[in-house]
Amino acid sequence: MSPNTGFSEQERAAIKARAAELKKETTRGRGSKAASEELDVLSKIADMEASDRALAERIHAVVTTNAPELAPKLWYGQPAYARKGKVVCFFRSGQADKERYSTFGFTTEAGLDDDSGLWPTSFAVTELGEKAEATIAALVKKAVG
């Protein structure tokens, strides 16, 4: 799979299957709030324009793999990842925001503080190659570390 194309067809099928499971859990009344929020995020990503959807899918995979303690949830109508209900990092669709690029960023809940007095908290995202994914993975790990 090319890192710029989002999820493979097999991964998309697995996500759709998981979303269906979550939907079934929440409609039966036995689903947790976390399952419902994860379903909301997956649905939001699925509704994005193709280019933003590919970015959001990859970012979702990187964040959930490298910081499984973060819970997916919508924040201002866009995918975000929270610890104990407080958003740590988020993805903003450039197309939804009518901007020329999407954004991946961190809130003040992220442990990115640097003794230099200057550290990055937001990144423009137009594509995700291996280097960009590695950068996001490292930052997410630091943010929750």
N, C-alpha and C. Protein backbone atom coordinates (compact mmCIF):
# COMPACT_ATOMS: atom_id res chain seq x y z
N MET A 1 0.84 -1.19 0.00
CA MET A 1 0.00 0.00 0.00
C MET A 1 0.87 1.24 0.00
N SER A 2 0.53 2.19 -0.81
CA SER A 2 1.23 3.46 -0.83
C SER A 2 0.78 4.29 0.35
N PRO A 3 1.69 4.96 1.06
CA PRO A 3 1.30 5.73 2.23
C PRO A 3 0.41 6.92 1.88
N ASN A 4 0.34 7.30 0.61
CA ASN A 4 -0.45 8.45 0.21
C ASN A 4 -1.89 8.10 -0.15
N THR A 5 -2.25 6.84 -0.14
CA THR A 5 -3.58 6.45 -0.59
C THR A 5 -4.52 6.08 0.55
N GLY A 6 -4.13 6.26 1.79
CA GLY A 6 -5.00 5.90 2.90
C GLY A 6 -5.01 4.40 3.12
N PHE A 7 -6.16 3.88 3.52
CA PHE A 7 -6.27 2.46 3.79
C PHE A 7 -6.41 1.66 2.51
N SER A 8 -5.94 0.42 2.56
CA SER A 8 -6.14 -0.50 1.45
C SER A 8 -7.61 -0.91 1.44
N GLU A 9 -8.04 -1.55 0.37
CA GLU A 9 -9.43 -2.03 0.30
C GLU A 9 -9.72 -3.00 1.44
N GLN A 10 -8.74 -3.85 1.77
CA GLN A 10 -8.92 -4.80 2.86
C GLN A 10 -9.08 -4.07 4.20
N GLU A 11 -8.26 -3.04 4.42
CA GLU A 11 -8.38 -2.27 5.66
C GLU A 11 -9.71 -1.52 5.71
N ARG A 12 -10.14 -0.95 4.57
CA ARG A 12 -11.45 -0.27 4.53
C ARG A 12 -12.58 -1.24 4.88
N ALA A 13 -12.52 -2.45 4.34
CA ALA A 13 -13.54 -3.46 4.63
C ALA A 13 -13.55 -3.78 6.13
N ALA A 14 -12.36 -3.89 6.73
CA ALA A 14 -12.28 -4.16 8.16
C ALA A 14 -12.86 -3.00 8.97
N ILE A 15 -12.58 -1.78 8.56
CA ILE A 15 -13.12 -0.61 9.27
C ILE A 15 -14.63 -0.57 9.15
N LYS A 16 -15.14 -0.84 7.94
CA LYS A 16 -16.60 -0.86 7.76
C LYS A 16 -17.23 -1.94 8.62
N ALA A 17 -16.58 -3.08 8.70
CA ALA A 17 -17.09 -4.16 9.54
C ALA A 17 -17.09 -3.74 11.00
N ARG A 18 -16.01 -3.10 11.45
CA ARG A 18 -15.93 -2.63 12.84
C ARG A 18 -16.97 -1.55 13.10
N ALA A 19 -17.17 -0.65 12.16
CA ALA A 19 -18.18 0.39 12.31
C ALA A 19 -19.57 -0.23 12.42
N ALA A 20 -19.83 -1.26 11.62
CA ALA A 20 -21.12 -1.95 11.70
C ALA A 20 -21.30 -2.61 13.06
N GLU A 21 -20.22 -3.21 13.58
CA GLU A 21 -20.28 -3.82 14.91
C GLU A 21 -20.59 -2.77 15.97
N LEU A 22 -19.90 -1.64 15.89
CA LEU A 22 -20.12 -0.58 16.87
C LEU A 22 -21.54 -0.04 16.78
N LYS A 23 -22.02 0.11 15.55
CA LYS A 23 -23.38 0.62 15.36
C LYS A 23 -24.38 -0.34 15.96
N LYS A 24 -24.16 -1.63 15.74
CA LYS A 24 -25.05 -2.65 16.28
C LYS A 24 -25.03 -2.60 17.81
N GLU A 25 -23.84 -2.45 18.39
CA GLU A 25 -23.72 -2.37 19.86
C GLU A 25 -24.47 -1.17 20.40
N THR A 26 -24.29 -0.02 19.75
CA THR A 26 -24.90 1.20 20.28
C THR A 26 -26.41 1.24 20.05
N THR A 27 -26.90 0.64 18.95
CA THR A 27 -28.34 0.63 18.71
C THR A 27 -29.05 -0.36 19.61
N ARG A 28 -28.34 -1.35 20.12
CA ARG A 28 -28.94 -2.30 21.06
C ARG A 28 -28.97 -1.73 22.48
N GLY A 29 -28.34 -0.58 22.66
CA GLY A 29 -28.34 0.03 23.97
C GLY A 29 -27.26 -0.50 24.90
N ARG A 30 -26.47 -1.44 24.42
CA ARG A 30 -25.43 -2.03 25.26
C ARG A 30 -24.07 -1.44 24.95
N GLY A 31 -24.00 -0.65 23.91
CA GLY A 31 -22.70 -0.11 23.51
C GLY A 31 -22.24 0.98 24.46
N SER A 32 -20.96 1.11 24.55
CA SER A 32 -20.39 2.13 25.43
C SER A 32 -20.34 3.48 24.72
N LYS A 33 -20.15 4.50 25.49
CA LYS A 33 -19.98 5.83 24.93
C LYS A 33 -18.75 5.86 24.02
N ALA A 34 -17.68 5.18 24.43
CA ALA A 34 -16.45 5.13 23.63
C ALA A 34 -16.71 4.49 22.27
N ALA A 35 -17.51 3.42 22.24
CA ALA A 35 -17.83 2.76 20.97
C ALA A 35 -18.62 3.70 20.08
N SER A 36 -19.55 4.41 20.67
CA SER A 36 -20.36 5.36 19.91
C SER A 36 -19.49 6.50 19.35
N GLU A 37 -18.57 6.98 20.16
CA GLU A 37 -17.70 8.07 19.71
C GLU A 37 -16.74 7.59 18.62
N GLU A 38 -16.24 6.36 18.74
CA GLU A 38 -15.38 5.81 17.70
C GLU A 38 -16.16 5.68 16.40
N LEU A 39 -17.39 5.24 16.49
CA LEU A 39 -18.24 5.12 15.31
C LEU A 39 -18.45 6.49 14.67
N ASP A 40 -18.67 7.51 15.48
CA ASP A 40 -18.83 8.87 14.95
C ASP A 40 -17.59 9.31 14.17
N VAL A 41 -16.40 9.02 14.72
CA VAL A 41 -15.15 9.40 14.04
C VAL A 41 -15.00 8.64 12.73
N LEU A 42 -15.22 7.34 12.75
CA LEU A 42 -15.11 6.55 11.53
C LEU A 42 -16.11 7.00 10.47
N SER A 43 -17.31 7.35 10.90
CA SER A 43 -18.32 7.84 9.97
C SER A 43 -17.91 9.19 9.38
N LYS A 44 -17.36 10.06 10.21
CA LYS A 44 -16.91 11.37 9.74
C LYS A 44 -15.80 11.20 8.71
N ILE A 45 -14.85 10.33 9.00
CA ILE A 45 -13.76 10.09 8.06
C ILE A 45 -14.31 9.53 6.74
N ALA A 46 -15.24 8.61 6.82
CA ALA A 46 -15.81 8.00 5.61
C ALA A 46 -16.54 9.02 4.75
N ASP A 47 -17.08 10.07 5.37
CA ASP A 47 -17.82 11.11 4.63
C ASP A 47 -16.93 12.18 4.01
N MET A 48 -15.64 12.17 4.32
CA MET A 48 -14.74 13.20 3.80
C MET A 48 -14.48 13.01 2.31
N GLU A 49 -14.07 14.10 1.65
CA GLU A 49 -13.63 14.02 0.27
C GLU A 49 -12.44 13.06 0.22
N ALA A 50 -12.24 12.43 -0.92
CA ALA A 50 -11.24 11.36 -1.05
C ALA A 50 -9.85 11.74 -0.54
N SER A 51 -9.36 12.92 -0.89
CA SER A 51 -8.00 13.28 -0.48
C SER A 51 -7.89 13.46 1.03
N ASP A 52 -8.87 14.11 1.64
CA ASP A 52 -8.85 14.27 3.09
C ASP A 52 -9.13 12.94 3.79
N ARG A 53 -9.99 12.13 3.20
CA ARG A 53 -10.30 10.82 3.79
C ARG A 53 -9.02 9.97 3.87
N ALA A 54 -8.22 9.98 2.81
CA ALA A 54 -6.97 9.21 2.82
C ALA A 54 -6.05 9.70 3.93
N LEU A 55 -5.93 11.01 4.09
CA LEU A 55 -5.09 11.56 5.16
C LEU A 55 -5.64 11.19 6.53
N ALA A 56 -6.94 11.38 6.71
CA ALA A 56 -7.56 11.11 8.01
C ALA A 56 -7.45 9.63 8.37
N GLU A 57 -7.61 8.76 7.40
CA GLU A 57 -7.48 7.32 7.66
C GLU A 57 -6.08 6.97 8.13
N ARG A 58 -5.08 7.51 7.46
CA ARG A 58 -3.69 7.21 7.85
C ARG A 58 -3.40 7.79 9.23
N ILE A 59 -3.82 9.02 9.47
CA ILE A 59 -3.58 9.63 10.78
C ILE A 59 -4.30 8.84 11.87
N HIS A 60 -5.53 8.42 11.60
CA HIS A 60 -6.27 7.60 12.57
C HIS A 60 -5.48 6.33 12.90
N ALA A 61 -4.95 5.68 11.88
CA ALA A 61 -4.17 4.46 12.09
C ALA A 61 -2.90 4.74 12.89
N VAL A 62 -2.20 5.81 12.56
CA VAL A 62 -0.96 6.15 13.27
C VAL A 62 -1.25 6.47 14.73
N VAL A 63 -2.27 7.29 14.99
CA VAL A 63 -2.59 7.68 16.36
C VAL A 63 -3.05 6.48 17.18
N THR A 64 -3.99 5.70 16.64
CA THR A 64 -4.52 4.58 17.44
C THR A 64 -3.50 3.48 17.64
N THR A 65 -2.55 3.34 16.73
CA THR A 65 -1.48 2.35 16.90
C THR A 65 -0.45 2.80 17.93
N ASN A 66 -0.09 4.07 17.89
CA ASN A 66 0.98 4.57 18.74
C ASN A 66 0.52 5.11 20.09
N ALA A 67 -0.77 5.34 20.23
CA ALA A 67 -1.31 5.82 21.50
C ALA A 67 -2.69 5.20 21.72
N PRO A 68 -2.73 3.88 21.94
CA PRO A 68 -4.02 3.21 22.10
C PRO A 68 -4.82 3.71 23.31
N GLU A 69 -4.16 4.41 24.21
CA GLU A 69 -4.88 4.96 25.37
C GLU A 69 -5.71 6.18 25.01
N LEU A 70 -5.51 6.74 23.82
CA LEU A 70 -6.33 7.87 23.38
C LEU A 70 -7.61 7.36 22.74
N ALA A 71 -8.71 7.97 23.13
CA ALA A 71 -10.02 7.56 22.62
C ALA A 71 -10.46 8.48 21.49
N PRO A 72 -10.81 7.91 20.34
CA PRO A 72 -11.32 8.73 19.24
C PRO A 72 -12.65 9.38 19.62
N LYS A 73 -12.81 10.62 19.20
CA LYS A 73 -14.07 11.34 19.42
C LYS A 73 -14.12 12.51 18.44
N LEU A 74 -15.31 13.04 18.21
CA LEU A 74 -15.41 14.23 17.38
C LEU A 74 -15.17 15.45 18.25
N TRP A 75 -14.49 16.41 17.67
CA TRP A 75 -14.19 17.67 18.36
C TRP A 75 -14.38 18.77 17.32
N TYR A 76 -15.31 19.66 17.55
CA TYR A 76 -15.68 20.66 16.56
C TYR A 76 -16.04 19.99 15.23
N GLY A 77 -16.64 18.81 15.32
CA GLY A 77 -17.09 18.09 14.14
C GLY A 77 -16.01 17.38 13.35
N GLN A 78 -14.80 17.28 13.89
CA GLN A 78 -13.68 16.65 13.19
C GLN A 78 -13.04 15.59 14.10
N PRO A 79 -12.31 14.64 13.51
CA PRO A 79 -11.68 13.58 14.31
C PRO A 79 -10.67 14.13 15.32
N ALA A 80 -10.75 13.59 16.52
CA ALA A 80 -9.82 13.97 17.58
C ALA A 80 -9.58 12.75 18.46
N TYR A 81 -8.58 12.87 19.31
CA TYR A 81 -8.18 11.74 20.16
C TYR A 81 -7.94 12.29 21.56
N ALA A 82 -8.65 11.71 22.53
CA ALA A 82 -8.67 12.27 23.88
C ALA A 82 -8.21 11.28 24.94
N ARG A 83 -7.71 11.85 26.01
CA ARG A 83 -7.34 11.07 27.21
C ARG A 83 -8.19 11.62 28.34
N LYS A 84 -8.94 10.72 28.97
CA LYS A 84 -9.83 11.10 30.08
C LYS A 84 -10.76 12.24 29.66
N GLY A 85 -11.26 12.17 28.43
CA GLY A 85 -12.21 13.15 27.93
C GLY A 85 -11.62 14.43 27.39
N LYS A 86 -10.32 14.64 27.56
CA LYS A 86 -9.68 15.88 27.10
C LYS A 86 -8.88 15.61 25.83
N VAL A 87 -9.17 16.38 24.79
CA VAL A 87 -8.52 16.18 23.50
C VAL A 87 -7.03 16.47 23.59
N VAL A 88 -6.25 15.55 23.05
CA VAL A 88 -4.79 15.67 23.02
C VAL A 88 -4.33 16.05 21.61
N CYS A 89 -4.92 15.42 20.58
CA CYS A 89 -4.55 15.73 19.20
C CYS A 89 -5.78 15.63 18.31
N PHE A 90 -5.69 16.21 17.13
CA PHE A 90 -6.85 16.31 16.26
C PHE A 90 -6.45 16.44 14.79
N PHE A 91 -7.39 16.13 13.92
CA PHE A 91 -7.26 16.31 12.48
C PHE A 91 -8.35 17.27 12.03
N ARG A 92 -7.97 18.24 11.22
CA ARG A 92 -8.95 19.18 10.65
C ARG A 92 -8.91 19.02 9.13
N SER A 93 -10.05 18.76 8.53
CA SER A 93 -10.16 18.63 7.09
C SER A 93 -10.00 19.99 6.43
N GLY A 94 -9.04 20.10 5.54
CA GLY A 94 -8.86 21.35 4.81
C GLY A 94 -10.05 21.67 3.94
N GLN A 95 -10.64 20.64 3.33
CA GLN A 95 -11.80 20.88 2.47
C GLN A 95 -13.00 21.32 3.30
N ALA A 96 -13.22 20.71 4.45
CA ALA A 96 -14.34 21.12 5.31
C ALA A 96 -14.13 22.54 5.82
N ASP A 97 -12.88 22.90 6.09
CA ASP A 97 -12.57 24.25 6.58
C ASP A 97 -12.37 25.26 5.45
N LYS A 98 -12.49 24.77 4.20
CA LYS A 98 -12.28 25.62 3.01
C LYS A 98 -10.89 26.26 3.01
N GLU A 99 -9.91 25.42 3.36
CA GLU A 99 -8.51 25.84 3.38
C GLU A 99 -7.76 25.03 2.32
N ARG A 100 -6.56 25.46 1.99
CA ARG A 100 -5.80 24.76 0.96
C ARG A 100 -5.08 23.52 1.47
N TYR A 101 -5.08 23.29 2.77
CA TYR A 101 -4.47 22.09 3.33
C TYR A 101 -5.20 21.68 4.60
N SER A 102 -5.08 20.42 4.95
CA SER A 102 -5.62 19.91 6.20
C SER A 102 -4.59 20.14 7.30
N THR A 103 -5.02 19.93 8.53
CA THR A 103 -4.15 20.19 9.67
C THR A 103 -4.20 19.04 10.67
N PHE A 104 -3.03 18.69 11.20
CA PHE A 104 -2.95 17.79 12.34
C PHE A 104 -2.33 18.59 13.45
N GLY A 105 -2.98 18.60 14.62
CA GLY A 105 -2.46 19.43 15.70
C GLY A 105 -2.64 18.83 17.07
N PHE A 106 -2.09 19.53 18.04
CA PHE A 106 -2.11 19.11 19.43
C PHE A 106 -2.68 20.23 20.29
N THR A 107 -3.35 19.86 21.36
CA THR A 107 -3.86 20.85 22.30
C THR A 107 -2.86 21.02 23.45
N THR A 108 -3.22 21.86 24.40
CA THR A 108 -2.35 22.06 25.56
C THR A 108 -2.30 20.83 26.46
N GLU A 109 -3.18 19.85 26.22
CA GLU A 109 -3.15 18.59 26.97
C GLU A 109 -1.98 17.71 26.56
N ALA A 110 -1.41 17.98 25.39
CA ALA A 110 -0.29 17.17 24.88
C ALA A 110 0.99 17.54 25.64
N GLY A 111 1.76 16.54 25.97
CA GLY A 111 3.01 16.78 26.68
C GLY A 111 4.16 17.06 25.72
N LEU A 112 4.01 18.08 24.92
CA LEU A 112 5.05 18.41 23.93
C LEU A 112 5.98 19.52 24.40
N ASP A 113 5.72 20.06 25.56
CA ASP A 113 6.52 21.18 26.05
C ASP A 113 8.01 20.89 25.97
N ASP A 114 8.73 21.88 25.56
CA ASP A 114 10.16 21.78 25.32
C ASP A 114 10.85 22.85 26.16
N ASP A 115 12.01 22.55 26.72
CA ASP A 115 12.69 23.54 27.55
C ASP A 115 13.25 24.71 26.75
N SER A 116 13.15 24.65 25.42
CA SER A 116 13.60 25.77 24.60
C SER A 116 12.59 26.91 24.61
N GLY A 117 11.36 26.61 25.05
CA GLY A 117 10.31 27.62 25.05
C GLY A 117 9.58 27.71 23.72
N LEU A 118 9.90 26.82 22.79
CA LEU A 118 9.27 26.82 21.47
C LEU A 118 9.12 25.39 20.98
N TRP A 119 7.89 24.99 20.65
CA TRP A 119 7.67 23.65 20.13
C TRP A 119 6.47 23.68 19.19
N PRO A 120 6.42 22.72 18.25
CA PRO A 120 5.33 22.70 17.28
C PRO A 120 4.04 22.16 17.90
N THR A 121 2.91 22.74 17.50
CA THR A 121 1.63 22.25 17.96
C THR A 121 0.65 21.99 16.82
N SER A 122 0.98 22.41 15.61
CA SER A 122 0.08 22.22 14.49
C SER A 122 0.88 22.08 13.20
N PHE A 123 0.40 21.18 12.32
CA PHE A 123 1.10 20.90 11.08
C PHE A 123 0.16 20.92 9.90
N ALA A 124 0.56 21.55 8.81
CA ALA A 124 -0.17 21.45 7.56
C ALA A 124 0.09 20.06 6.99
N VAL A 125 -0.97 19.43 6.47
CA VAL A 125 -0.84 18.08 5.92
C VAL A 125 -1.45 18.04 4.52
N THR A 126 -0.61 17.76 3.54
CA THR A 126 -1.11 17.61 2.17
C THR A 126 -0.90 16.19 1.67
N GLU A 127 0.04 15.48 2.26
CA GLU A 127 0.27 14.07 1.95
C GLU A 127 1.03 13.46 3.12
N LEU A 128 0.97 12.14 3.21
CA LEU A 128 1.64 11.45 4.30
C LEU A 128 2.55 10.36 3.76
N GLY A 129 3.81 10.69 3.67
CA GLY A 129 4.82 9.69 3.32
C GLY A 129 5.33 9.04 4.58
N GLU A 130 6.28 8.14 4.43
CA GLU A 130 6.83 7.43 5.59
C GLU A 130 7.44 8.38 6.62
N LYS A 131 8.15 9.40 6.15
CA LYS A 131 8.80 10.35 7.06
C LYS A 131 7.76 11.13 7.87
N ALA A 132 6.70 11.58 7.19
CA ALA A 132 5.64 12.32 7.88
C ALA A 132 4.93 11.43 8.90
N GLU A 133 4.64 10.19 8.51
CA GLU A 133 4.00 9.26 9.45
C GLU A 133 4.89 9.01 10.66
N ALA A 134 6.19 8.86 10.45
CA ALA A 134 7.12 8.64 11.56
C ALA A 134 7.14 9.86 12.48
N THR A 135 7.08 11.05 11.91
CA THR A 135 7.06 12.28 12.71
C THR A 135 5.81 12.34 13.56
N ILE A 136 4.67 12.05 12.95
CA ILE A 136 3.41 12.05 13.71
C ILE A 136 3.45 11.00 14.81
N ALA A 137 3.93 9.80 14.50
CA ALA A 137 4.02 8.74 15.50
C ALA A 137 4.86 9.18 16.69
N ALA A 138 6.02 9.77 16.41
CA ALA A 138 6.91 10.22 17.50
C ALA A 138 6.26 11.32 18.33
N LEU A 139 5.60 12.25 17.68
CA LEU A 139 4.95 13.34 18.41
C LEU A 139 3.78 12.83 19.24
N VAL A 140 3.01 11.91 18.72
CA VAL A 140 1.88 11.35 19.47
C VAL A 140 2.40 10.60 20.69
N LYS A 141 3.45 9.82 20.52
CA LYS A 141 4.04 9.11 21.65
C LYS A 141 4.53 10.09 22.73
N LYS A 142 5.17 11.16 22.29
CA LYS A 142 5.64 12.17 23.23
C LYS A 142 4.47 12.87 23.91
N ALA A 143 3.43 13.13 23.15
CA ALA A 143 2.27 13.83 23.68
C ALA A 143 1.59 13.09 24.82
N VAL A 144 1.60 11.76 24.74
CA VAL A 144 0.94 10.97 25.79
C VAL A 144 1.93 10.39 26.81
N GLY A 145 3.22 10.57 26.56
CA GLY A 145 4.25 9.99 27.41
C GLY A 145 4.39 10.60 28.77
